[in-house]
């Protein structure tokens, strides 16, 4: 198939989550024999740094078997109003004035258009061109429509959804959901477009099961310590506050336990967390290393005895997949939408209340002899069902079914 991905960014090292998913999917589909092109802006911005990638613009580049076009973004409003906190932390609309004309030239040559992420110009422009040229449109939200996420900056989002996103969702051929929670969030918007489940994937071969020897010294982990790892943004939606409260409750029962809260400080909450920990006299047992990437991230995932994500809501967490691929048992909330970990005996799922988290953590750490078997079960789970090869094959089957529906009715669904 000739596939066109349209995304806000591509190979942008400051951006994680959906940007990593897009590149992994594109490269895997290309290895499986599909002709894959990606249109993206040149942004490399996150909530802390506003910058552009140093890449050639308005021309095709071959990147690991994928044809990539970068277009200059001109977020004038965001830059002029950067003193407004919520705008400064936003990636922006990512208006790329030259993208639409390029889409009109290329879309006639492809079999389908697959957009990634709402609230950005690339998705809007690609949807418009796909309709005009009668090409099937596949729409991927990457967890953005979760009701809890939509509460942030709700007025702006509600207006944009009503005026822009809902018409796109209704006229799309197929909606892509990473988990059942995303299916529900599509339906909560009043959209009945066909929806198909395609989870995120991972390359287990990129992860290690034994950390490098210097890992404990690097993070000041005492000999024989049991490490509980959190990996994500430090804010309530991810459950950072509940995990810290839970750790304070169970710390005396597990005197060898150390908590590592790895991730960016979102909204300045780290100071509050540190104060609570110091008041409890546990400052030496909790680490806040900030964002951890590369080799250090691989080491922490492999060193952890338990990975914990008590999130209120996740689309389909890459961090959970990374922990499983590192043979680390996981302790999750129902909002992670990953019941398979309990079925595979690779972890536990408990309510988001601190008492429940504390009890489950203490129980897991009290049985260290069982943790390696749980970790191995998690590794086998991702190898069997969540490798990028498996996920890309599943996505290709969704494409084929959607294209058949498109051809059967003779117009976009």
Protein backbone atom coordinates (compact mmCIF):
# COMPACT_ATOMS: atom_id res chain seq x y z
CA UNK A 1 0.00 0.00 0.00
CA UNK A 2 0.97 3.63 -0.53
CA UNK A 3 0.50 5.23 2.87
CA UNK A 4 0.66 8.90 3.86
CA UNK A 5 1.16 9.73 7.54
CA UNK A 6 0.50 13.34 8.55
CA UNK A 7 1.81 14.30 11.97
CA UNK A 8 2.70 17.41 13.96
CA UNK A 9 6.36 16.34 14.25
CA UNK A 10 8.73 13.55 13.22
CA UNK A 11 11.98 12.36 14.81
CA UNK A 12 11.77 15.33 17.19
CA UNK A 13 13.94 14.32 20.12
CA UNK A 14 12.26 16.68 22.60
CA UNK A 15 8.86 15.14 21.92
CA UNK A 16 7.96 11.68 23.11
CA UNK A 17 4.70 9.71 23.11
CA UNK A 18 2.87 9.98 19.81
CA UNK A 19 5.94 11.23 17.93
CA UNK A 20 7.84 8.04 18.78
CA UNK A 21 4.82 5.92 17.88
CA UNK A 22 4.49 7.57 14.46
CA UNK A 23 8.12 6.96 13.49
CA UNK A 24 8.11 3.37 14.75
CA UNK A 25 4.93 2.56 12.84
CA UNK A 26 6.14 4.25 9.67
CA UNK A 27 9.49 2.46 9.67
CA UNK A 28 7.95 -0.92 10.44
CA UNK A 29 5.35 -0.58 7.70
CA UNK A 30 8.15 0.37 5.28
CA UNK A 31 10.16 -2.72 6.28
CA UNK A 32 7.07 -4.83 5.60
CA UNK A 33 7.00 -3.60 2.02
CA UNK A 34 4.64 -0.63 2.10
CA UNK A 35 5.48 2.71 0.50
CA UNK A 36 5.33 5.15 3.41
CA UNK A 37 5.53 8.94 3.25
CA UNK A 38 5.34 11.27 6.26
CA UNK A 39 4.36 14.95 6.23
CA UNK A 40 5.32 16.81 9.40
CA UNK A 41 6.32 20.25 10.62
CA UNK A 42 9.88 21.03 11.68
CA UNK A 43 8.94 21.63 15.32
CA UNK A 44 11.07 20.27 18.15
CA UNK A 45 9.19 22.15 20.86
CA UNK A 46 7.89 20.93 24.19
CA UNK A 47 6.49 22.76 27.22
CA UNK A 48 9.98 23.95 28.19
CA UNK A 49 11.82 24.74 24.96
CA UNK A 50 10.58 26.32 21.74
CA UNK A 51 12.82 25.32 18.86
CA UNK A 52 12.87 23.89 15.33
CA UNK A 53 14.65 20.86 13.96
CA UNK A 54 17.64 21.65 11.73
CA UNK A 55 16.29 19.75 8.72
CA UNK A 56 15.85 20.53 5.00
CA UNK A 57 12.38 21.88 4.27
CA UNK A 58 9.83 21.32 1.49
CA UNK A 59 11.68 18.36 -0.02
CA UNK A 60 11.66 14.58 0.48
CA UNK A 61 14.26 12.94 2.72
CA UNK A 62 14.76 9.18 3.05
CA UNK A 63 14.92 8.34 6.76
CA UNK A 64 15.21 4.63 7.60
CA UNK A 65 13.20 3.64 4.54
CA UNK A 66 10.52 6.31 5.03
CA UNK A 67 10.10 9.32 2.74
CA UNK A 68 9.81 12.34 5.05
CA UNK A 69 8.78 15.90 4.17
CA UNK A 70 9.31 18.64 6.74
CA UNK A 71 7.48 21.96 6.48
CA UNK A 72 8.26 25.15 8.36
CA UNK A 73 5.77 25.92 11.14
CA UNK A 74 4.86 29.53 11.82
CA UNK A 75 3.09 29.67 15.19
CA UNK A 76 3.04 33.45 15.30
CA UNK A 77 0.24 33.72 17.88
CA UNK A 78 1.92 31.29 20.28
CA UNK A 79 5.25 33.06 20.06
CA UNK A 80 3.79 36.53 20.44
CA UNK A 81 1.76 35.45 23.47
CA UNK A 82 4.38 33.16 25.01
CA UNK A 83 4.05 35.03 28.30
CA UNK A 84 0.66 33.32 28.82
CA UNK A 85 1.49 30.12 30.76
CA UNK A 86 -0.88 27.71 29.02
CA UNK A 87 0.28 28.91 25.58
CA UNK A 88 3.92 28.66 26.56
CA UNK A 89 3.44 24.98 27.55
CA UNK A 90 1.45 24.17 24.42
CA UNK A 91 3.02 22.73 21.29
CA UNK A 92 0.78 25.14 19.36
CA UNK A 93 -1.40 24.79 16.29
CA UNK A 94 1.66 24.23 14.08
CA UNK A 95 0.48 26.13 11.04
CA UNK A 96 2.67 25.17 8.08
CA UNK A 97 1.66 27.36 5.11
CA UNK A 98 3.34 25.23 2.44
CA UNK A 99 1.99 21.90 3.58
CA UNK A 100 -1.47 22.10 2.02
CA UNK A 101 -0.23 22.66 -1.54
CA UNK A 102 2.17 19.73 -1.15
CA UNK A 103 -0.68 17.57 0.13
CA UNK A 104 -2.73 18.37 -2.98
CA UNK A 105 0.17 17.23 -5.16
CA UNK A 106 0.87 13.99 -3.29
CA UNK A 107 -2.50 12.71 -2.04
CA UNK A 108 -3.71 11.62 -5.50
CA UNK A 109 -0.79 9.16 -5.58
CA UNK A 110 -1.50 7.41 -2.24
CA UNK A 111 -4.03 4.78 -1.17
CA UNK A 112 -4.87 6.37 2.17
CA UNK A 113 -4.20 9.30 4.50
CA UNK A 114 -3.54 8.64 8.20
CA UNK A 115 -3.53 11.67 10.52
CA UNK A 116 -1.97 11.68 14.00
CA UNK A 117 -3.12 14.00 16.81
CA UNK A 118 -6.01 16.46 17.00
CA UNK A 119 -5.82 20.23 17.57
CA UNK A 120 -3.08 20.81 14.98
CA UNK A 121 -3.02 22.27 11.47
CA UNK A 122 -1.46 19.19 9.77
CA UNK A 123 -4.50 17.07 10.73
CA UNK A 124 -6.93 19.77 9.60
CA UNK A 125 -5.18 20.31 6.25
CA UNK A 126 -4.79 16.60 5.51
CA UNK A 127 -8.44 15.89 6.30
CA UNK A 128 -9.62 18.65 3.98
CA UNK A 129 -7.46 17.45 1.10
CA UNK A 130 -8.40 13.78 1.63
CA UNK A 131 -12.10 14.64 1.37
CA UNK A 132 -11.61 16.81 -1.69
CA UNK A 133 -9.63 14.11 -3.48
CA UNK A 134 -11.85 11.27 -2.25
CA UNK A 135 -9.20 9.34 -0.36
CA UNK A 136 -9.94 7.25 2.76
CA UNK A 137 -8.97 9.07 5.95
CA UNK A 138 -7.76 7.22 9.06
CA UNK A 139 -7.72 9.30 12.25
CA UNK A 140 -5.54 8.61 15.31
CA UNK A 141 -6.11 10.58 18.53
CA UNK A 142 -3.30 9.10 20.72
CA UNK A 143 -5.29 9.54 23.92
CA UNK A 144 -5.91 13.27 23.56
CA UNK A 145 -9.72 13.04 23.77
CA UNK A 146 -9.74 11.44 27.19
CA UNK A 147 -12.34 13.36 29.26
CA UNK A 148 -9.80 14.14 31.97
CA UNK A 149 -7.38 15.59 29.42
CA UNK A 150 -10.16 17.66 27.88
CA UNK A 151 -10.79 19.38 31.23
CA UNK A 152 -7.51 21.27 30.82
CA UNK A 153 -8.04 24.46 28.79
CA UNK A 154 -11.56 23.16 28.27
CA UNK A 155 -13.17 26.22 26.68
CA UNK A 156 -10.61 26.41 23.88
CA UNK A 157 -10.78 22.65 23.28
CA UNK A 158 -14.58 22.52 23.33
CA UNK A 159 -14.83 25.24 20.70
CA UNK A 160 -12.18 23.64 18.50
CA UNK A 161 -13.74 20.18 18.77
CA UNK A 162 -17.18 21.47 17.83
CA UNK A 163 -15.98 23.54 14.89
CA UNK A 164 -13.06 21.51 13.52
CA UNK A 165 -12.52 18.06 15.00
CA UNK A 166 -16.06 16.68 15.07
CA UNK A 167 -16.64 17.27 11.34
CA UNK A 168 -13.33 15.53 10.65
CA UNK A 169 -14.22 12.62 12.94
CA UNK A 170 -17.62 12.16 11.32
CA UNK A 171 -16.26 12.18 7.78
CA UNK A 172 -13.24 9.99 8.47
CA UNK A 173 -13.22 6.45 7.12
CA UNK A 174 -11.88 4.85 10.32
CA UNK A 175 -10.98 6.04 13.81
CA UNK A 176 -7.93 4.39 15.41
CA UNK A 177 -7.98 3.70 19.16
CA UNK A 178 -5.08 2.40 21.20
CA UNK A 179 -7.28 1.01 23.99
CA UNK A 180 -10.92 0.63 24.98
CA UNK A 181 -10.76 3.95 26.81
CA UNK A 182 -10.06 5.73 23.53
CA UNK A 183 -13.06 4.05 21.92
CA UNK A 184 -15.22 5.41 24.74
CA UNK A 185 -13.73 8.89 24.38
CA UNK A 186 -14.58 8.96 20.66
CA UNK A 187 -18.15 7.93 21.42
CA UNK A 188 -18.41 10.54 24.18
CA UNK A 189 -17.97 13.17 21.46
CA UNK A 190 -21.10 11.89 19.74
CA UNK A 191 -19.19 10.28 16.87
CA UNK A 192 -20.29 6.95 15.38
CA UNK A 193 -17.61 6.54 12.71
CA UNK A 194 -16.22 2.97 12.59
CA UNK A 195 -13.47 2.56 15.19
CA UNK A 196 -10.75 -0.08 15.28
CA UNK A 197 -8.35 -1.02 18.08
CA UNK A 198 -4.65 -0.87 17.25
CA UNK A 199 -2.43 -0.80 20.37
CA UNK A 200 0.96 0.83 20.60
CA UNK A 201 3.97 -1.37 20.07
CA UNK A 202 7.55 -1.72 21.17
CA UNK A 203 10.84 -3.29 20.11
CA UNK A 204 11.78 -5.58 23.02
CA UNK A 205 15.28 -5.97 21.61
CA UNK A 206 16.03 -2.32 22.39
CA UNK A 207 15.65 -2.86 26.14
CA UNK A 208 17.94 -4.47 28.68
CA UNK A 209 17.02 -6.77 31.54
CA UNK A 210 20.18 -6.17 33.57
CA UNK A 211 21.33 -2.60 34.27
CA UNK A 212 24.89 -1.45 33.83
CA UNK A 213 27.09 -1.88 36.95
CA UNK A 214 27.29 1.87 37.59
CA UNK A 215 23.52 2.32 37.82
CA UNK A 216 23.20 2.12 41.62
CA UNK A 217 25.99 4.62 42.17
CA UNK A 218 24.57 6.95 39.52
CA UNK A 219 21.24 7.21 41.33
CA UNK A 220 22.53 6.77 44.89
CA UNK A 221 20.69 3.49 45.33
CA UNK A 222 21.88 1.71 48.50
CA UNK A 223 23.12 -1.89 48.27
CA UNK A 224 20.22 -4.34 48.35
CA UNK A 225 17.58 -1.65 47.90
CA UNK A 226 14.24 -2.42 46.29
CA UNK A 227 13.47 0.18 43.61
CA UNK A 228 9.97 1.42 42.81
CA UNK A 229 10.01 3.39 39.55
CA UNK A 230 7.59 6.01 38.25
CA UNK A 231 8.25 7.25 34.71
CA UNK A 232 6.10 10.09 33.41
CA UNK A 233 5.14 13.70 33.93
CA UNK A 234 4.90 14.67 37.58
CA UNK A 235 1.29 15.64 37.95
CA UNK A 236 -1.96 14.34 39.36
CA UNK A 237 -3.41 12.87 36.16
CA UNK A 238 -0.45 10.47 35.99
CA UNK A 239 -0.88 9.60 39.67
CA UNK A 240 2.40 11.05 40.91
CA UNK A 241 0.79 12.48 44.05
CA UNK A 242 -0.99 9.23 44.88
CA UNK A 243 2.14 7.16 44.44
CA UNK A 244 4.11 9.43 46.77
CA UNK A 245 1.32 9.27 49.35
CA UNK A 246 1.26 5.49 49.00
CA UNK A 247 5.04 5.27 49.42
CA UNK A 248 4.87 7.31 52.61
CA UNK A 249 2.22 4.91 53.94
CA UNK A 250 4.18 1.72 53.20
CA UNK A 251 7.77 2.91 53.73
CA UNK A 252 8.05 1.54 57.27
CA UNK A 253 6.83 -1.88 56.12
CA UNK A 254 9.47 -1.98 53.38
CA UNK A 255 12.59 -0.38 54.84
CA UNK A 256 14.74 -1.27 51.81
CA UNK A 257 12.38 0.40 49.32
CA UNK A 258 13.53 3.44 47.30
CA UNK A 259 11.18 5.47 45.10
CA UNK A 260 12.44 7.07 41.89
CA UNK A 261 10.07 9.65 40.37
CA UNK A 262 11.53 10.11 36.89
CA UNK A 263 9.90 12.72 34.67
CA UNK A 264 9.51 16.44 34.04
CA UNK A 265 8.00 18.67 36.73
CA UNK A 266 4.61 19.56 35.29
CA UNK A 267 3.06 22.68 36.81
CA UNK A 268 5.69 23.12 39.53
CA UNK A 269 4.36 20.29 41.70
CA UNK A 270 7.72 18.71 42.50
CA UNK A 271 8.34 21.22 45.29
CA UNK A 272 5.12 20.18 47.02
CA UNK A 273 6.05 16.53 46.68
CA UNK A 274 9.49 17.13 48.15
CA UNK A 275 8.05 19.01 51.11
CA UNK A 276 5.69 16.14 51.95
CA UNK A 277 8.53 13.64 51.71
CA UNK A 278 10.86 15.72 53.88
CA UNK A 279 8.12 16.17 56.50
CA UNK A 280 7.82 12.39 56.68
CA UNK A 281 11.58 12.05 57.15
CA UNK A 282 12.01 10.05 53.93
CA UNK A 283 14.04 12.49 51.85
CA UNK A 284 16.90 10.00 51.46
CA UNK A 285 14.61 7.35 50.02
CA UNK A 286 13.00 9.30 47.17
CA UNK A 287 14.77 10.57 44.03
CA UNK A 288 13.61 13.18 41.51
CA UNK A 289 16.03 12.83 38.57
CA UNK A 290 13.89 14.82 36.10
CA UNK A 291 13.47 13.58 32.54
CA UNK A 292 15.55 10.44 31.98
CA UNK A 293 16.40 9.33 28.45
CA UNK A 294 18.71 7.01 26.53
CA UNK A 295 21.00 4.62 28.35
CA UNK A 296 20.06 5.95 31.78
CA UNK A 297 16.39 5.28 31.12
CA UNK A 298 17.16 1.72 30.01
CA UNK A 299 19.18 1.20 33.20
CA UNK A 300 16.42 2.48 35.49
CA UNK A 301 13.77 0.34 33.80
CA UNK A 302 15.97 -2.74 34.17
CA UNK A 303 17.02 -1.92 37.75
CA UNK A 304 13.48 -1.36 39.04
CA UNK A 305 11.91 -4.10 41.11
CA UNK A 306 8.44 -2.70 40.37
CA UNK A 307 7.24 -0.11 37.88
CA UNK A 308 4.20 1.83 39.12
CA UNK A 309 1.81 4.02 37.13
CA UNK A 310 -1.37 4.83 39.12
CA UNK A 311 -2.73 7.04 36.35
CA UNK A 312 -6.29 8.32 36.30
CA UNK A 313 -6.37 7.76 32.55
CA UNK A 314 -3.99 6.66 29.81
CA UNK A 315 -4.45 6.16 26.10
CA UNK A 316 -2.04 3.25 25.83
CA UNK A 317 1.07 3.91 27.86
CA UNK A 318 4.44 3.49 26.18
CA UNK A 319 6.08 3.62 29.61
CA UNK A 320 4.19 0.48 30.65
CA UNK A 321 5.30 -1.33 27.49
CA UNK A 322 8.89 -0.23 28.16
CA UNK A 323 8.76 -1.62 31.68
CA UNK A 324 7.35 -4.93 30.47
CA UNK A 325 10.01 -5.12 27.75
CA UNK A 326 12.61 -4.65 30.50
CA UNK A 327 11.19 -7.70 32.37
CA UNK A 328 10.02 -5.45 35.22
CA UNK A 329 6.72 -6.26 37.00
CA UNK A 330 4.13 -3.47 36.83
CA UNK A 331 1.58 -2.06 39.26
CA UNK A 332 -1.11 -0.19 37.36
CA UNK A 333 -4.46 1.49 37.85
CA UNK A 334 -7.63 0.59 35.93
CA UNK A 335 -7.18 3.88 34.05
CA UNK A 336 -4.16 2.42 32.27
CA UNK A 337 -6.57 0.16 30.33
CA UNK A 338 -4.15 -2.77 30.35
CA UNK A 339 -5.98 -5.73 31.95
CA UNK A 340 -3.72 -8.14 30.04
CA UNK A 341 -0.94 -7.69 32.61
CA UNK A 342 -2.96 -9.43 35.31
CA UNK A 343 -4.12 -12.16 32.94
CA UNK A 344 -0.48 -12.79 32.01
CA UNK A 345 0.58 -12.62 35.71
CA UNK A 346 2.98 -9.83 34.78
CA UNK A 347 1.68 -7.36 37.33
CA UNK A 348 -1.21 -6.08 39.41
CA UNK A 349 -4.05 -3.66 38.80
CA UNK A 350 -5.37 -1.79 41.83
CA UNK A 351 -7.63 1.20 42.47
CA UNK A 352 -6.06 4.65 42.39
CA UNK A 353 -6.49 5.28 46.12
CA UNK A 354 -3.22 5.61 48.02
CA UNK A 355 -4.16 2.89 50.53
CA UNK A 356 -4.70 0.34 47.76
CA UNK A 357 -1.46 1.28 46.03
CA UNK A 358 0.48 1.11 49.29
CA UNK A 359 -0.91 -2.31 50.11
CA UNK A 360 -0.14 -3.73 46.67
CA UNK A 361 3.38 -2.30 46.65
CA UNK A 362 4.14 -3.71 50.08
CA UNK A 363 2.78 -7.10 49.05
CA UNK A 364 4.88 -7.22 45.88
CA UNK A 365 8.08 -6.12 47.60
CA UNK A 366 7.50 -8.66 50.39
CA UNK A 367 7.74 -11.45 47.79
CA UNK A 368 10.98 -10.70 45.94
CA UNK A 369 11.34 -14.32 44.84
CA UNK A 370 8.19 -13.98 42.70
CA UNK A 371 9.16 -10.76 40.92
CA UNK A 372 11.54 -12.27 38.32
CA UNK A 373 8.83 -14.67 37.09
CA UNK A 374 6.37 -11.78 36.80
CA UNK A 375 8.92 -9.77 34.85
CA UNK A 376 9.57 -12.64 32.47
CA UNK A 377 5.83 -13.04 31.93
CA UNK A 378 5.61 -9.37 30.98
CA UNK A 379 8.47 -9.71 28.53
CA UNK A 380 6.77 -12.68 26.87
CA UNK A 381 3.53 -10.73 26.70
CA UNK A 382 5.06 -7.87 24.71
CA UNK A 383 7.00 -10.25 22.49
CA UNK A 384 3.83 -12.15 21.55
CA UNK A 385 1.39 -9.29 21.14
CA UNK A 386 3.04 -5.87 21.17
CA UNK A 387 6.07 -6.00 18.91
CA UNK A 388 5.99 -3.31 16.23
CA UNK A 389 5.86 -6.00 13.58
CA UNK A 390 2.68 -7.44 15.06
CA UNK A 391 1.10 -3.99 15.54
CA UNK A 392 1.97 -2.86 12.00
CA UNK A 393 0.41 -6.00 10.53
CA UNK A 394 -2.72 -5.28 12.55
CA UNK A 395 -2.79 -1.69 11.30
CA UNK A 396 -2.32 -2.82 7.70
CA UNK A 397 -5.34 -5.12 8.08
CA UNK A 398 -7.37 -2.14 9.38
CA UNK A 399 -6.28 -0.15 6.33
CA UNK A 400 -7.37 -2.91 3.95
CA UNK A 401 -10.78 -3.21 5.62
CA UNK A 402 -11.27 0.57 5.59
CA UNK A 403 -10.25 0.91 1.96
CA UNK A 404 -12.70 -1.85 1.02
CA UNK A 405 -15.51 0.03 2.80
CA UNK A 406 -14.46 3.24 1.04
CA UNK A 407 -14.56 1.60 -2.38
CA UNK A 408 -17.87 -0.11 -1.64
CA UNK A 409 -19.69 3.17 -1.07
CA UNK A 410 -17.72 5.14 -3.66
CA UNK A 411 -17.05 8.08 -1.34
CA UNK A 412 -15.46 8.80 2.06
CA UNK A 413 -17.43 7.29 4.94
